[in-house]
Amino acid sequence: MTEEAIAWEFECAQRLIGGLDRNAGTLVITKNGLVGRTFSHEKLVNGKVRVHCDNGSKLLCQPETLKVTGYIN
C-alpha cells in the first residue's frame, strides 16, 4: 500500500469515528511487535509515522509496516 493510500485510510477512519479530536488516533502494532498509538494531528516525518509506544518510547515507522488494531476518538 502506498503512503498516500495509507494516509487516505487513516483520514477515512477518522471521519467514521466522528472527527479529529486532539487525542484521536490509531492503535498499532509495529513490525517488531511493539504496541503503540499514533495521533491524527501529527504529520508524517520524511514519509514515516510517529508511533508512541506503550513503553514510553517514540518511533518513526514506515506506514506500510504498521498493523492497525483499533481507533481512538
N, C-alpha and C. Protein backbone atom coordinates (compact mmCIF):
# COMPACT_ATOMS: atom_id res chain seq x y z
N MET A 1 0.85 -1.16 0.00
CA MET A 1 0.00 0.00 0.00
C MET A 1 0.91 1.24 0.00
N THR A 2 0.57 2.22 -0.78
CA THR A 2 1.39 3.42 -0.86
C THR A 2 1.15 4.33 0.35
N GLU A 3 2.09 5.23 0.56
CA GLU A 3 1.97 6.19 1.66
C GLU A 3 0.69 7.01 1.52
N GLU A 4 0.38 7.38 0.29
CA GLU A 4 -0.82 8.17 0.03
C GLU A 4 -2.09 7.38 0.37
N ALA A 5 -2.10 6.11 0.01
CA ALA A 5 -3.26 5.25 0.29
C ALA A 5 -3.44 5.06 1.79
N ILE A 6 -2.33 4.89 2.51
CA ILE A 6 -2.42 4.70 3.95
C ILE A 6 -2.92 5.98 4.62
N ALA A 7 -2.42 7.14 4.17
CA ALA A 7 -2.88 8.41 4.72
C ALA A 7 -4.38 8.56 4.48
N TRP A 8 -4.84 8.16 3.31
CA TRP A 8 -6.27 8.22 2.99
C TRP A 8 -7.07 7.31 3.92
N GLU A 9 -6.58 6.09 4.15
CA GLU A 9 -7.26 5.15 5.04
C GLU A 9 -7.38 5.73 6.46
N PHE A 10 -6.30 6.34 6.96
CA PHE A 10 -6.35 6.96 8.29
C PHE A 10 -7.37 8.08 8.32
N GLU A 11 -7.39 8.90 7.28
CA GLU A 11 -8.33 10.03 7.22
C GLU A 11 -9.77 9.53 7.19
N CYS A 12 -10.03 8.52 6.39
CA CYS A 12 -11.39 7.95 6.31
C CYS A 12 -11.81 7.38 7.66
N ALA A 13 -10.91 6.68 8.32
CA ALA A 13 -11.22 6.11 9.62
C ALA A 13 -11.55 7.21 10.62
N GLN A 14 -10.81 8.30 10.57
CA GLN A 14 -11.08 9.40 11.49
C GLN A 14 -12.44 10.02 11.22
N ARG A 15 -12.82 10.11 9.97
CA ARG A 15 -14.15 10.64 9.64
C ARG A 15 -15.24 9.74 10.19
N LEU A 16 -15.03 8.44 10.11
CA LEU A 16 -16.03 7.49 10.59
C LEU A 16 -16.22 7.56 12.10
N ILE A 17 -15.16 7.88 12.81
CA ILE A 17 -15.28 7.92 14.28
C ILE A 17 -15.65 9.30 14.78
N GLY A 18 -16.00 10.20 13.88
CA GLY A 18 -16.60 11.46 14.33
C GLY A 18 -15.69 12.66 14.40
N GLY A 19 -14.67 12.72 13.62
CA GLY A 19 -13.86 13.93 13.59
C GLY A 19 -12.48 13.74 14.17
N LEU A 20 -11.74 14.83 14.15
CA LEU A 20 -10.35 14.79 14.57
C LEU A 20 -10.16 15.49 15.92
N ASP A 21 -10.45 14.80 16.98
CA ASP A 21 -10.18 15.27 18.33
C ASP A 21 -8.65 15.32 18.49
N ARG A 22 -8.16 16.14 19.40
CA ARG A 22 -6.72 16.27 19.63
C ARG A 22 -6.10 14.92 20.03
N ASN A 23 -6.86 14.07 20.71
CA ASN A 23 -6.35 12.77 21.13
C ASN A 23 -6.72 11.65 20.17
N ALA A 24 -7.41 11.98 19.08
CA ALA A 24 -7.81 10.96 18.12
C ALA A 24 -6.57 10.33 17.50
N GLY A 25 -6.67 9.05 17.22
CA GLY A 25 -5.54 8.37 16.61
C GLY A 25 -5.84 6.92 16.32
N THR A 26 -4.77 6.18 16.17
CA THR A 26 -4.87 4.79 15.77
C THR A 26 -4.02 3.93 16.69
N LEU A 27 -4.55 2.78 17.09
CA LEU A 27 -3.77 1.80 17.84
C LEU A 27 -3.06 0.91 16.83
N VAL A 28 -1.77 0.69 17.03
CA VAL A 28 -0.99 -0.07 16.06
C VAL A 28 -0.05 -1.06 16.75
N ILE A 29 0.41 -2.01 15.95
CA ILE A 29 1.50 -2.90 16.34
C ILE A 29 2.57 -2.75 15.28
N THR A 30 3.82 -2.52 15.73
CA THR A 30 4.92 -2.34 14.78
C THR A 30 5.38 -3.70 14.25
N LYS A 31 6.24 -3.66 13.24
CA LYS A 31 6.72 -4.92 12.66
C LYS A 31 7.53 -5.73 13.66
N ASN A 32 8.06 -5.06 14.72
CA ASN A 32 8.81 -5.76 15.76
C ASN A 32 7.94 -6.20 16.92
N GLY A 33 6.62 -5.98 16.80
CA GLY A 33 5.69 -6.43 17.83
C GLY A 33 5.43 -5.45 18.96
N LEU A 34 5.95 -4.23 18.86
CA LEU A 34 5.68 -3.23 19.89
C LEU A 34 4.28 -2.66 19.71
N VAL A 35 3.58 -2.45 20.81
CA VAL A 35 2.24 -1.90 20.78
C VAL A 35 2.34 -0.40 21.03
N GLY A 36 1.60 0.37 20.24
CA GLY A 36 1.63 1.81 20.41
C GLY A 36 0.43 2.46 19.77
N ARG A 37 0.52 3.79 19.63
CA ARG A 37 -0.56 4.55 19.03
C ARG A 37 0.01 5.69 18.22
N THR A 38 -0.80 6.16 17.30
CA THR A 38 -0.47 7.36 16.55
C THR A 38 -1.49 8.42 16.92
N PHE A 39 -1.17 9.68 16.66
CA PHE A 39 -2.10 10.77 16.84
C PHE A 39 -2.41 11.34 15.47
N SER A 40 -3.69 11.55 15.19
CA SER A 40 -4.11 12.02 13.87
C SER A 40 -3.58 13.40 13.53
N HIS A 41 -3.36 14.24 14.54
CA HIS A 41 -2.91 15.60 14.27
C HIS A 41 -1.42 15.68 13.94
N GLU A 42 -0.67 14.61 14.15
CA GLU A 42 0.76 14.61 13.86
C GLU A 42 1.00 14.30 12.38
N LYS A 43 1.81 15.12 11.76
CA LYS A 43 2.13 14.96 10.34
C LYS A 43 3.20 13.89 10.15
N LEU A 44 3.30 13.37 8.93
CA LEU A 44 4.35 12.42 8.59
C LEU A 44 5.71 13.13 8.67
N VAL A 45 6.74 12.39 9.06
CA VAL A 45 8.11 12.89 9.12
C VAL A 45 8.92 12.09 8.12
N ASN A 46 9.31 12.73 7.02
CA ASN A 46 10.06 12.04 5.96
C ASN A 46 9.34 10.76 5.52
N GLY A 47 8.02 10.83 5.42
CA GLY A 47 7.24 9.69 4.96
C GLY A 47 6.98 8.64 6.03
N LYS A 48 7.35 8.92 7.27
CA LYS A 48 7.16 7.95 8.35
C LYS A 48 6.16 8.49 9.37
N VAL A 49 5.50 7.55 10.05
CA VAL A 49 4.50 7.87 11.06
C VAL A 49 5.17 7.82 12.43
N ARG A 50 4.87 8.80 13.28
CA ARG A 50 5.37 8.79 14.65
C ARG A 50 4.48 7.86 15.48
N VAL A 51 5.10 6.86 16.11
CA VAL A 51 4.37 5.90 16.95
C VAL A 51 4.80 6.10 18.39
N HIS A 52 3.84 6.31 19.27
CA HIS A 52 4.08 6.45 20.71
C HIS A 52 3.84 5.08 21.33
N CYS A 53 4.92 4.42 21.73
CA CYS A 53 4.82 3.05 22.25
C CYS A 53 4.37 3.04 23.69
N ASP A 54 3.78 1.91 24.10
CA ASP A 54 3.30 1.73 25.46
C ASP A 54 4.43 1.83 26.48
N ASN A 55 5.66 1.50 26.07
CA ASN A 55 6.79 1.55 27.00
C ASN A 55 7.37 2.96 27.14
N GLY A 56 6.73 3.97 26.50
CA GLY A 56 7.16 5.35 26.63
C GLY A 56 8.06 5.85 25.53
N SER A 57 8.56 4.95 24.71
CA SER A 57 9.45 5.37 23.62
C SER A 57 8.63 5.86 22.42
N LYS A 58 9.29 6.61 21.55
CA LYS A 58 8.67 7.10 20.32
C LYS A 58 9.49 6.59 19.15
N LEU A 59 8.79 6.11 18.13
CA LEU A 59 9.45 5.56 16.95
C LEU A 59 8.92 6.24 15.70
N LEU A 60 9.73 6.27 14.66
CA LEU A 60 9.26 6.65 13.33
C LEU A 60 9.20 5.38 12.52
N CYS A 61 8.02 5.05 12.00
CA CYS A 61 7.82 3.79 11.28
C CYS A 61 7.24 4.04 9.90
N GLN A 62 7.62 3.21 8.96
CA GLN A 62 7.01 3.24 7.64
C GLN A 62 5.55 2.83 7.82
N PRO A 63 4.61 3.59 7.26
CA PRO A 63 3.19 3.27 7.45
C PRO A 63 2.82 1.85 7.03
N GLU A 64 3.44 1.35 5.98
CA GLU A 64 3.06 0.02 5.49
C GLU A 64 3.52 -1.10 6.42
N THR A 65 4.38 -0.80 7.40
CA THR A 65 4.85 -1.83 8.33
C THR A 65 4.00 -1.89 9.60
N LEU A 66 3.02 -1.01 9.73
CA LEU A 66 2.17 -0.97 10.91
C LEU A 66 0.89 -1.76 10.71
N LYS A 67 0.49 -2.48 11.73
CA LYS A 67 -0.78 -3.20 11.70
C LYS A 67 -1.76 -2.43 12.58
N VAL A 68 -2.84 -1.95 12.00
CA VAL A 68 -3.85 -1.18 12.74
C VAL A 68 -4.72 -2.17 13.52
N THR A 69 -4.83 -1.92 14.84
CA THR A 69 -5.64 -2.80 15.69
C THR A 69 -6.87 -2.10 16.25
N GLY A 70 -6.93 -0.77 16.10
CA GLY A 70 -8.10 -0.05 16.60
C GLY A 70 -7.96 1.44 16.38
N TYR A 71 -9.00 2.16 16.79
CA TYR A 71 -9.04 3.60 16.61
C TYR A 71 -9.44 4.27 17.92
N ILE A 72 -8.94 5.48 18.12
CA ILE A 72 -9.25 6.26 19.32
C ILE A 72 -9.85 7.58 18.86
N ASN A 73 -10.97 7.98 19.46
CA ASN A 73 -11.54 9.28 19.08
C ASN A 73 -11.70 10.18 20.25
